[in-house]
Amino acid sequence: MVTAEDVLSIASEAGRIAGLAIRPEQGAMIESRLSALARAEGYDNVNALIGAMKTRKDAKLTGAAVEALAGRDTWFFRQREQYDLILNDMLPVLARARGRRHPIRIWSAGCSTGQEAYSLAMMLTEETGHIGDLEIEIVGTDISRRAIERARAGAYSQFDVQRGLSIHRLVKHFEQSGKDWRLKTALRSMVRFEQGNLLTPPEDAGTFDIILCRNVLTALTPEARKRVIANLSARCAEDGYLLMGEGEAAYAAGPFRAIRGQKGVLTRPDVTELAA
């Protein structure tokens, strides 16, 4: 079992690197999320892994541990009503504003293993009647290298595809690969995945018209939340939208305002139009 001292040690590193808020009573969570890494690195248990992190001062090992702790649960078409809002309201408004001269850019920030970004891609391929020849770019980023590798592979277990996917979508967009289901090449090519830390996003990422950062900030410290919101604001177009998890909208007050009647959907204070 992870000791109280080890919890404090790993919590300090997780907060410094990723802004994660780890509480003293979360030893069991640390044990669960670091077990696989401990085995992969050749340690007998998580205590030995954390001990090595403290004595070796190995930045790569510490980073891998923090990435594992930052992992979050996700599934296809989570908060389904927000996908409908993107398709039926946001994209038409943005298309009118852009005049189809520029692609509409969507960022899945904290994308984990990719289900959110691929859900967007599936929806867009199915709804060409709504969007016509509108060019849309989808980018997914996550702090975890392993999560990004899984997202790029586009392969999911039976358990994964049963969460949020209809049989129709499974058959239409996936091919069976051994025990897993893998997204077809054409759909995988619609999304670009990159490793990235929301505390320090790359300056050359450009701006995005729609940003999804859902169920990410709840795991962060208050100071880290402020930094992430500031960085999201810097990357969000002036007439863009920010979509968050339920109960997270209060974190973004100031740079953004909540859209009345839409849970977790925000825009700039001076943007008034939404309905197409």
C-alpha atoms as a PDB file:
ATOM      1  CA  MET A   1       0.000   0.000   0.000  1.00  0.00           C
ATOM      2  CA  VAL A   2       1.236   3.491  -0.850  1.00  0.00           C
ATOM      3  CA  THR A   3       2.381   5.308   2.276  1.00  0.00           C
ATOM      4  CA  ALA A   4       1.237   8.771   3.300  1.00  0.00           C
ATOM      5  CA  GLU A   5       4.762  10.048   2.636  1.00  0.00           C
ATOM      6  CA  ASP A   6       4.695   8.609  -0.880  1.00  0.00           C
ATOM      7  CA  VAL A   7       1.291  10.185  -1.548  1.00  0.00           C
ATOM      8  CA  LEU A   8       2.713  13.584  -0.626  1.00  0.00           C
ATOM      9  CA  SER A   9       5.761  12.994  -2.795  1.00  0.00           C
ATOM     10  CA  ILE A  10       3.871  11.983  -5.922  1.00  0.00           C
ATOM     11  CA  ALA A  11       1.213  14.647  -5.313  1.00  0.00           C
ATOM     12  CA  SER A  12       3.915  17.307  -5.317  1.00  0.00           C
ATOM     13  CA  GLU A  13       5.284  16.150  -8.674  1.00  0.00           C
ATOM     14  CA  ALA A  14       1.824  15.721 -10.188  1.00  0.00           C
ATOM     15  CA  GLY A  15       0.881  19.236  -9.153  1.00  0.00           C
ATOM     16  CA  ARG A  16       4.107  20.733 -10.468  1.00  0.00           C
ATOM     17  CA  ILE A  17       4.023  19.000 -13.860  1.00  0.00           C
ATOM     18  CA  ALA A  18       0.326  18.688 -14.660  1.00  0.00           C
ATOM     19  CA  GLY A  19      -1.516  20.788 -12.082  1.00  0.00           C
ATOM     20  CA  LEU A  20      -3.190  17.680 -10.670  1.00  0.00           C
ATOM     21  CA  ALA A  21      -4.804  17.961  -7.242  1.00  0.00           C
ATOM     22  CA  ILE A  22      -4.110  14.708  -5.382  1.00  0.00           C
ATOM     23  CA  ARG A  23      -5.522  14.420  -1.888  1.00  0.00           C
ATOM     24  CA  PRO A  24      -3.931  12.514   1.023  1.00  0.00           C
ATOM     25  CA  GLU A  25      -6.728   9.918   0.985  1.00  0.00           C
ATOM     26  CA  GLN A  26      -6.127   8.985  -2.671  1.00  0.00           C
ATOM     27  CA  GLY A  27      -3.469   6.365  -2.041  1.00  0.00           C
ATOM     28  CA  ALA A  28      -5.651   3.627  -3.540  1.00  0.00           C
ATOM     29  CA  MET A  29      -6.072   5.637  -6.746  1.00  0.00           C
ATOM     30  CA  ILE A  30      -2.313   6.119  -7.005  1.00  0.00           C
ATOM     31  CA  GLU A  31      -1.770   2.383  -6.447  1.00  0.00           C
ATOM     32  CA  SER A  32      -4.283   1.510  -9.159  1.00  0.00           C
ATOM     33  CA  ARG A  33      -3.013   3.923 -11.813  1.00  0.00           C
ATOM     34  CA  LEU A  34       0.710   3.309 -11.277  1.00  0.00           C
ATOM     35  CA  SER A  35       0.648  -0.491 -11.005  1.00  0.00           C
ATOM     36  CA  ALA A  36       1.018  -1.104 -14.740  1.00  0.00           C
ATOM     37  CA  LEU A  37       3.869   1.415 -14.995  1.00  0.00           C
ATOM     38  CA  ALA A  38       5.667  -0.191 -12.040  1.00  0.00           C
ATOM     39  CA  ARG A  39       5.497  -3.606 -13.732  1.00  0.00           C
ATOM     40  CA  ALA A  40       6.591  -2.194 -17.093  1.00  0.00           C
ATOM     41  CA  GLU A  41       9.608  -0.508 -15.486  1.00  0.00           C
ATOM     42  CA  GLY A  42      10.601  -3.680 -13.607  1.00  0.00           C
ATOM     43  CA  TYR A  43       9.636  -2.696 -10.055  1.00  0.00           C
ATOM     44  CA  ASP A  44       8.019  -5.106  -7.609  1.00  0.00           C
ATOM     45  CA  ASN A  45       5.349  -2.637  -6.546  1.00  0.00           C
ATOM     46  CA  VAL A  46       4.266   0.987  -6.687  1.00  0.00           C
ATOM     47  CA  ASN A  47       6.179   1.832  -3.504  1.00  0.00           C
ATOM     48  CA  ALA A  48       9.414   0.753  -5.188  1.00  0.00           C
ATOM     49  CA  LEU A  49       8.549   2.847  -8.251  1.00  0.00           C
ATOM     50  CA  ILE A  50       7.924   5.978  -6.165  1.00  0.00           C
ATOM     51  CA  GLY A  51      11.105   5.285  -4.178  1.00  0.00           C
ATOM     52  CA  ALA A  52      13.082   5.178  -7.414  1.00  0.00           C
ATOM     53  CA  MET A  53      11.493   8.418  -8.540  1.00  0.00           C
ATOM     54  CA  LYS A  54      12.638  10.106  -5.340  1.00  0.00           C
ATOM     55  CA  THR A  55      16.200   8.758  -5.352  1.00  0.00           C
ATOM     56  CA  ARG A  56      17.003   8.708  -9.080  1.00  0.00           C
ATOM     57  CA  LYS A  57      15.421  12.061  -9.935  1.00  0.00           C
ATOM     58  CA  ASP A  58      14.637  10.585 -13.350  1.00  0.00           C
ATOM     59  CA  ALA A  59      12.541  13.168 -15.219  1.00  0.00           C
ATOM     60  CA  LYS A  60      11.365  10.625 -17.793  1.00  0.00           C
ATOM     61  CA  LEU A  61      10.165   8.168 -15.133  1.00  0.00           C
ATOM     62  CA  THR A  62       8.493  10.909 -13.117  1.00  0.00           C
ATOM     63  CA  GLY A  63       6.800  12.218 -16.251  1.00  0.00           C
ATOM     64  CA  ALA A  64       5.475   8.756 -17.108  1.00  0.00           C
ATOM     65  CA  ALA A  65       4.057   8.409 -13.591  1.00  0.00           C
ATOM     66  CA  VAL A  66       2.322  11.787 -13.785  1.00  0.00           C
ATOM     67  CA  GLU A  67       0.904  10.895 -17.197  1.00  0.00           C
ATOM     68  CA  ALA A  68      -0.555   7.713 -15.725  1.00  0.00           C
ATOM     69  CA  LEU A  69      -2.093   9.650 -12.851  1.00  0.00           C
ATOM     70  CA  ALA A  70      -3.605  12.163 -15.265  1.00  0.00           C
ATOM     71  CA  GLY A  71      -5.523   9.473 -17.146  1.00  0.00           C
ATOM     72  CA  ARG A  72      -9.269  10.005 -17.182  1.00  0.00           C
ATOM     73  CA  ASP A  73     -12.298   7.967 -18.109  1.00  0.00           C
ATOM     74  CA  THR A  74     -14.027   8.819 -21.375  1.00  0.00           C
ATOM     75  CA  TRP A  75     -16.431   7.269 -23.847  1.00  0.00           C
ATOM     76  CA  PHE A  76     -17.995   7.848 -27.245  1.00  0.00           C
ATOM     77  CA  PHE A  77     -20.602  10.619 -27.557  1.00  0.00           C
ATOM     78  CA  ARG A  78     -20.371  11.573 -23.899  1.00  0.00           C
ATOM     79  CA  GLN A  79     -22.753  14.487 -23.167  1.00  0.00           C
ATOM     80  CA  ARG A  80     -24.514  13.735 -26.437  1.00  0.00           C
ATOM     81  CA  GLU A  81     -26.544  16.945 -26.409  1.00  0.00           C
ATOM     82  CA  GLN A  82     -23.364  18.975 -26.935  1.00  0.00           C
ATOM     83  CA  TYR A  83     -22.625  17.117 -30.175  1.00  0.00           C
ATOM     84  CA  ASP A  84     -26.096  18.019 -31.419  1.00  0.00           C
ATOM     85  CA  LEU A  85     -25.458  21.655 -30.522  1.00  0.00           C
ATOM     86  CA  ILE A  86     -22.164  21.666 -32.434  1.00  0.00           C
ATOM     87  CA  LEU A  87     -23.815  20.201 -35.528  1.00  0.00           C
ATOM     88  CA  ASN A  88     -27.087  22.097 -35.579  1.00  0.00           C
ATOM     89  CA  ASP A  89     -26.127  25.477 -34.135  1.00  0.00           C
ATOM     90  CA  MET A  90     -22.410  26.190 -33.843  1.00  0.00           C
ATOM     91  CA  LEU A  91     -21.207  24.971 -37.220  1.00  0.00           C
ATOM     92  CA  PRO A  92     -23.838  26.889 -39.235  1.00  0.00           C
ATOM     93  CA  VAL A  93     -23.098  30.091 -37.296  1.00  0.00           C
ATOM     94  CA  LEU A  94     -19.352  29.680 -37.774  1.00  0.00           C
ATOM     95  CA  ALA A  95     -19.765  28.795 -41.455  1.00  0.00           C
ATOM     96  CA  ARG A  96     -21.646  32.042 -42.049  1.00  0.00           C
ATOM     97  CA  ALA A  97     -19.007  34.018 -40.182  1.00  0.00           C
ATOM     98  CA  ARG A  98     -16.084  32.396 -42.015  1.00  0.00           C
ATOM     99  CA  GLY A  99     -17.750  32.460 -45.427  1.00  0.00           C
ATOM    100  CA  ARG A 100     -16.174  29.047 -46.073  1.00  0.00           C
ATOM    101  CA  ARG A 101     -12.857  30.787 -46.702  1.00  0.00           C
ATOM    102  CA  HIS A 102     -11.121  29.118 -43.784  1.00  0.00           C
ATOM    103  CA  PRO A 103     -11.489  25.695 -42.166  1.00  0.00           C
ATOM    104  CA  ILE A 104     -13.370  25.506 -38.907  1.00  0.00           C
ATOM    105  CA  ARG A 105     -10.951  24.221 -36.284  1.00  0.00           C
ATOM    106  CA  ILE A 106     -12.055  22.036 -33.359  1.00  0.00           C
ATOM    107  CA  TRP A 107      -9.764  21.178 -30.447  1.00  0.00           C
ATOM    108  CA  SER A 108     -10.384  18.227 -28.131  1.00  0.00           C
ATOM    109  CA  ALA A 109      -8.266  19.425 -25.196  1.00  0.00           C
ATOM    110  CA  GLY A 110      -7.430  16.616 -22.786  1.00  0.00           C
ATOM    111  CA  CYS A 111      -8.630  14.073 -25.322  1.00  0.00           C
ATOM    112  CA  SER A 112      -7.466  10.978 -23.404  1.00  0.00           C
ATOM    113  CA  THR A 113      -7.683   7.930 -25.710  1.00  0.00           C
ATOM    114  CA  GLY A 114      -9.535   9.753 -28.478  1.00  0.00           C
ATOM    115  CA  GLN A 115     -13.212   8.827 -28.180  1.00  0.00           C
ATOM    116  CA  GLU A 116     -14.336  12.459 -28.050  1.00  0.00           C
ATOM    117  CA  ALA A 117     -12.448  13.519 -31.183  1.00  0.00           C
ATOM    118  CA  TYR A 118     -13.520  10.429 -33.099  1.00  0.00           C
ATOM    119  CA  SER A 119     -17.134  10.974 -32.063  1.00  0.00           C
ATOM    120  CA  LEU A 120     -16.932  14.369 -33.758  1.00  0.00           C
ATOM    121  CA  ALA A 121     -15.439  12.791 -36.870  1.00  0.00           C
ATOM    122  CA  MET A 122     -18.179  10.148 -37.005  1.00  0.00           C
ATOM    123  CA  MET A 123     -20.897  12.750 -36.625  1.00  0.00           C
ATOM    124  CA  LEU A 124     -19.445  14.904 -39.401  1.00  0.00           C
ATOM    125  CA  THR A 125     -19.136  12.038 -41.882  1.00  0.00           C
ATOM    126  CA  GLU A 126     -22.744  11.080 -41.214  1.00  0.00           C
ATOM    127  CA  GLU A 127     -24.139  14.596 -41.546  1.00  0.00           C
ATOM    128  CA  THR A 128     -22.717  15.878 -44.818  1.00  0.00           C
ATOM    129  CA  GLY A 129     -26.197  17.199 -45.625  1.00  0.00           C
ATOM    130  CA  HIS A 130     -25.875  19.596 -42.708  1.00  0.00           C
ATOM    131  CA  ILE A 131     -22.340  20.815 -43.397  1.00  0.00           C
ATOM    132  CA  GLY A 132     -21.971  20.411 -47.171  1.00  0.00           C
ATOM    133  CA  ASP A 133     -18.410  21.063 -48.299  1.00  0.00           C
ATOM    134  CA  LEU A 134     -17.439  22.819 -45.069  1.00  0.00           C
ATOM    135  CA  GLU A 135     -13.795  22.095 -44.243  1.00  0.00           C
ATOM    136  CA  ILE A 136     -13.290  21.063 -40.625  1.00  0.00           C
ATOM    137  CA  GLU A 137     -10.029  20.317 -38.822  1.00  0.00           C
ATOM    138  CA  ILE A 138     -10.072  18.237 -35.626  1.00  0.00           C
ATOM    139  CA  VAL A 139      -7.092  18.200 -33.262  1.00  0.00           C
ATOM    140  CA  GLY A 140      -6.807  16.155 -30.072  1.00  0.00           C
ATOM    141  CA  THR A 141      -4.164  16.714 -27.388  1.00  0.00           C
ATOM    142  CA  ASP A 142      -3.403  15.009 -24.109  1.00  0.00           C
ATOM    143  CA  ILE A 143      -0.551  15.040 -21.623  1.00  0.00           C
ATOM    144  CA  SER A 144      -0.286  11.242 -21.730  1.00  0.00           C
ATOM    145  CA  ARG A 145       1.961   9.814 -24.445  1.00  0.00           C
ATOM    146  CA  ARG A 146       0.360   6.381 -24.036  1.00  0.00           C
ATOM    147  CA  ALA A 147      -3.134   7.819 -24.372  1.00  0.00           C
ATOM    148  CA  ILE A 148      -2.111   9.613 -27.574  1.00  0.00           C
ATOM    149  CA  GLU A 149      -0.602   6.426 -28.981  1.00  0.00           C
ATOM    150  CA  ARG A 150      -3.870   4.606 -28.316  1.00  0.00           C
ATOM    151  CA  ALA A 151      -5.855   7.432 -29.869  1.00  0.00           C
ATOM    152  CA  ARG A 152      -3.743   7.382 -33.013  1.00  0.00           C
ATOM    153  CA  ALA A 153      -4.148   3.620 -33.309  1.00  0.00           C
ATOM    154  CA  GLY A 154      -7.937   4.002 -33.089  1.00  0.00           C
ATOM    155  CA  ALA A 155      -8.353   0.518 -31.603  1.00  0.00           C
ATOM    156  CA  TYR A 156     -10.859  -0.063 -28.812  1.00  0.00           C
ATOM    157  CA  SER A 157     -11.982  -2.999 -26.723  1.00  0.00           C
ATOM    158  CA  GLN A 158     -15.454  -4.476 -26.726  1.00  0.00           C
ATOM    159  CA  PHE A 159     -16.073  -2.650 -23.450  1.00  0.00           C
ATOM    160  CA  ASP A 160     -15.031   0.669 -25.016  1.00  0.00           C
ATOM    161  CA  VAL A 161     -17.296   0.400 -28.060  1.00  0.00           C
ATOM    162  CA  GLN A 162     -20.270  -0.573 -25.937  1.00  0.00           C
ATOM    163  CA  ARG A 163     -20.081   2.786 -24.187  1.00  0.00           C
ATOM    164  CA  GLY A 164     -21.928   5.350 -26.277  1.00  0.00           C
ATOM    165  CA  LEU A 165     -21.857   3.649 -29.687  1.00  0.00           C
ATOM    166  CA  SER A 166     -24.862   2.211 -31.470  1.00  0.00           C
ATOM    167  CA  ILE A 167     -24.546  -1.051 -33.384  1.00  0.00           C
ATOM    168  CA  HIS A 168     -25.114   0.936 -36.575  1.00  0.00           C
ATOM    169  CA  ARG A 169     -22.118   3.194 -35.902  1.00  0.00           C
ATOM    170  CA  LEU A 170     -19.951   0.276 -34.850  1.00  0.00           C
ATOM    171  CA  VAL A 171     -20.581  -1.552 -38.126  1.00  0.00           C
ATOM    172  CA  LYS A 172     -20.301   1.605 -40.235  1.00  0.00           C
ATOM    173  CA  HIS A 173     -17.077   3.027 -38.828  1.00  0.00           C
ATOM    174  CA  PHE A 174     -15.117   0.099 -37.349  1.00  0.00           C
ATOM    175  CA  GLU A 175     -13.449  -3.132 -38.437  1.00  0.00           C
ATOM    176  CA  GLN A 176     -12.826  -6.037 -36.102  1.00  0.00           C
ATOM    177  CA  SER A 177      -9.143  -6.549 -35.324  1.00  0.00           C
ATOM    178  CA  GLY A 178      -8.632  -9.598 -33.139  1.00  0.00           C
ATOM    179  CA  LYS A 179     -10.460  -8.926 -29.880  1.00  0.00           C
ATOM    180  CA  ASP A 180     -10.590  -5.201 -30.575  1.00  0.00           C
ATOM    181  CA  TRP A 181     -12.479  -2.912 -32.920  1.00  0.00           C
ATOM    182  CA  ARG A 182     -10.450  -0.495 -35.031  1.00  0.00           C
ATOM    183  CA  LEU A 183     -11.732   2.648 -36.692  1.00  0.00           C
ATOM    184  CA  LYS A 184     -11.504   2.609 -40.454  1.00  0.00           C
ATOM    185  CA  THR A 185      -8.577   4.452 -42.023  1.00  0.00           C
ATOM    186  CA  ALA A 186     -10.646   7.216 -43.600  1.00  0.00           C
ATOM    187  CA  LEU A 187     -12.128   8.237 -40.267  1.00  0.00           C
ATOM    188  CA  ARG A 188      -8.818   8.013 -38.391  1.00  0.00           C
ATOM    189  CA  SER A 189      -7.296  10.350 -40.969  1.00  0.00           C
ATOM    190  CA  MET A 190      -9.807  13.056 -40.044  1.00  0.00           C
ATOM    191  CA  VAL A 191      -8.212  13.648 -36.634  1.00  0.00           C
ATOM    192  CA  ARG A 192      -4.678  14.716 -35.698  1.00  0.00           C
ATOM    193  CA  PHE A 193      -3.452  13.753 -32.232  1.00  0.00           C
ATOM    194  CA  GLU A 194      -0.526  15.390 -30.443  1.00  0.00           C
ATOM    195  CA  GLN A 195       0.916  15.108 -26.952  1.00  0.00           C
ATOM    196  CA  GLY A 196       0.496  18.368 -25.080  1.00  0.00           C
ATOM    197  CA  ASN A 197       0.236  19.857 -21.607  1.00  0.00           C
ATOM    198  CA  LEU A 198      -2.684  22.268 -21.112  1.00  0.00           C
ATOM    199  CA  LEU A 199      -0.579  24.228 -18.638  1.00  0.00           C
ATOM    200  CA  THR A 200       1.918  25.078 -21.395  1.00  0.00           C
ATOM    201  CA  PRO A 201       0.311  24.670 -24.834  1.00  0.00           C
ATOM    202  CA  PRO A 202       2.487  25.319 -27.913  1.00  0.00           C
ATOM    203  CA  GLU A 203       2.455  28.896 -29.124  1.00  0.00           C
ATOM    204  CA  ASP A 204       2.191  27.844 -32.775  1.00  0.00           C
ATOM    205  CA  ALA A 205      -1.096  25.943 -32.354  1.00  0.00           C
ATOM    206  CA  GLY A 206      -3.166  28.807 -33.768  1.00  0.00           C
ATOM    207  CA  THR A 207      -6.735  29.537 -32.717  1.00  0.00           C
ATOM    208  CA  PHE A 208      -9.733  27.238 -32.605  1.00  0.00           C
ATOM    209  CA  ASP A 209     -13.394  27.908 -33.279  1.00  0.00           C
ATOM    210  CA  ILE A 210     -14.691  25.208 -30.949  1.00  0.00           C
ATOM    211  CA  ILE A 211     -12.777  23.888 -27.947  1.00  0.00           C
ATOM    212  CA  LEU A 212     -13.909  20.877 -25.957  1.00  0.00           C
ATOM    213  CA  CYS A 213     -12.236  20.683 -22.533  1.00  0.00           C
ATOM    214  CA  ARG A 214     -14.648  18.471 -20.657  1.00  0.00           C
ATOM    215  CA  ASN A 215     -14.220  16.803 -17.280  1.00  0.00           C
ATOM    216  CA  VAL A 216     -10.579  17.869 -17.145  1.00  0.00           C
ATOM    217  CA  LEU A 217     -10.506  20.832 -14.780  1.00  0.00           C
ATOM    218  CA  THR A 218     -12.185  19.028 -11.897  1.00  0.00           C
ATOM    219  CA  ALA A 219      -8.955  17.090 -11.324  1.00  0.00           C
ATOM    220  CA  LEU A 220      -6.759  20.195 -11.162  1.00  0.00           C
ATOM    221  CA  THR A 221      -5.704  22.590  -8.437  1.00  0.00           C
ATOM    222  CA  PRO A 222      -7.376  26.022  -8.391  1.00  0.00           C
ATOM    223  CA  GLU A 223      -4.204  27.687  -9.653  1.00  0.00           C
ATOM    224  CA  ALA A 224      -3.833  25.166 -12.468  1.00  0.00           C
ATOM    225  CA  ARG A 225      -7.464  25.734 -13.494  1.00  0.00           C
ATOM    226  CA  LYS A 226      -6.780  29.451 -13.861  1.00  0.00           C
ATOM    227  CA  ARG A 227      -3.737  28.768 -16.033  1.00  0.00           C
ATOM    228  CA  VAL A 228      -5.608  26.317 -18.240  1.00  0.00           C
ATOM    229  CA  ILE A 229      -8.547  28.679 -18.719  1.00  0.00           C
ATOM    230  CA  ALA A 230      -6.152  31.489 -19.630  1.00  0.00           C
ATOM    231  CA  ASN A 231      -4.476  29.225 -22.181  1.00  0.00           C
ATOM    232  CA  LEU A 232      -7.810  28.065 -23.607  1.00  0.00           C
ATOM    233  CA  SER A 233      -8.908  31.675 -23.894  1.00  0.00           C
ATOM    234  CA  ALA A 234      -5.720  32.546 -25.784  1.00  0.00           C
ATOM    235  CA  ARG A 235      -6.430  29.729 -28.265  1.00  0.00           C
ATOM    236  CA  CYS A 236     -10.169  30.376 -28.689  1.00  0.00           C
ATOM    237  CA  ALA A 237     -11.357  32.513 -31.605  1.00  0.00           C
ATOM    238  CA  GLU A 238     -13.102  35.741 -30.635  1.00  0.00           C
ATOM    239  CA  ASP A 239     -16.436  34.320 -31.806  1.00  0.00           C
ATOM    240  CA  GLY A 240     -15.606  30.778 -30.722  1.00  0.00           C
ATOM    241  CA  TYR A 241     -17.121  28.393 -28.202  1.00  0.00           C
ATOM    242  CA  LEU A 242     -15.842  26.436 -25.206  1.00  0.00           C
ATOM    243  CA  LEU A 243     -17.578  23.217 -24.155  1.00  0.00           C
ATOM    244  CA  MET A 244     -16.989  21.874 -20.653  1.00  0.00           C
ATOM    245  CA  GLY A 245     -18.307  19.139 -18.413  1.00  0.00           C
ATOM    246  CA  GLU A 246     -21.352  19.667 -16.246  1.00  0.00           C
ATOM    247  CA  GLY A 247     -20.463  21.771 -13.222  1.00  0.00           C
ATOM    248  CA  GLU A 248     -17.242  23.130 -14.743  1.00  0.00           C
ATOM    249  CA  ALA A 249     -18.577  26.337 -16.311  1.00  0.00           C
ATOM    250  CA  ALA A 250     -17.886  28.411 -13.186  1.00  0.00           C
ATOM    251  CA  TYR A 251     -14.143  27.828 -13.653  1.00  0.00           C
ATOM    252  CA  ALA A 252     -14.209  29.785 -16.926  1.00  0.00           C
ATOM    253  CA  ALA A 253     -16.132  32.835 -15.709  1.00  0.00           C
ATOM    254  CA  GLY A 254     -14.431  36.018 -16.854  1.00  0.00           C
ATOM    255  CA  PRO A 255     -12.888  35.142 -20.221  1.00  0.00           C
ATOM    256  CA  PHE A 256     -16.095  33.265 -21.080  1.00  0.00           C
ATOM    257  CA  ARG A 257     -19.785  33.381 -20.196  1.00  0.00           C
ATOM    258  CA  ALA A 258     -22.261  30.531 -20.025  1.00  0.00           C
ATOM    259  CA  ILE A 259     -24.901  30.294 -22.747  1.00  0.00           C
ATOM    260  CA  ARG A 260     -28.315  30.281 -21.122  1.00  0.00           C
ATOM    261  CA  GLY A 261     -30.069  26.926 -21.188  1.00  0.00           C
ATOM    262  CA  GLN A 262     -26.996  24.965 -22.335  1.00  0.00           C
ATOM    263  CA  LYS A 263     -25.086  23.061 -19.666  1.00  0.00           C
ATOM    264  CA  GLY A 264     -21.334  23.507 -19.925  1.00  0.00           C
ATOM    265  CA  VAL A 265     -21.457  25.604 -23.124  1.00  0.00           C
ATOM    266  CA  LEU A 266     -19.678  28.962 -23.063  1.00  0.00           C
ATOM    267  CA  THR A 267     -18.678  31.771 -25.392  1.00  0.00           C
ATOM    268  CA  ARG A 268     -17.098  35.200 -25.203  1.00  0.00           C
ATOM    269  CA  PRO A 269     -19.002  37.814 -23.179  1.00  0.00           C
ATOM    270  CA  ASP A 270     -19.784  39.914 -26.273  1.00  0.00           C
ATOM    271  CA  VAL A 271     -20.929  37.032 -28.533  1.00  0.00           C
ATOM    272  CA  THR A 272     -24.719  36.949 -28.632  1.00  0.00           C
ATOM    273  CA  GLU A 273     -25.667  34.764 -31.598  1.00  0.00           C
ATOM    274  CA  LEU A 274     -25.861  30.971 -31.354  1.00  0.00           C
ATOM    275  CA  ALA A 275     -29.049  29.632 -32.900  1.00  0.00           C
ATOM    276  CA  ALA A 276     -28.692  29.023 -36.618  1.00  0.00           C
END
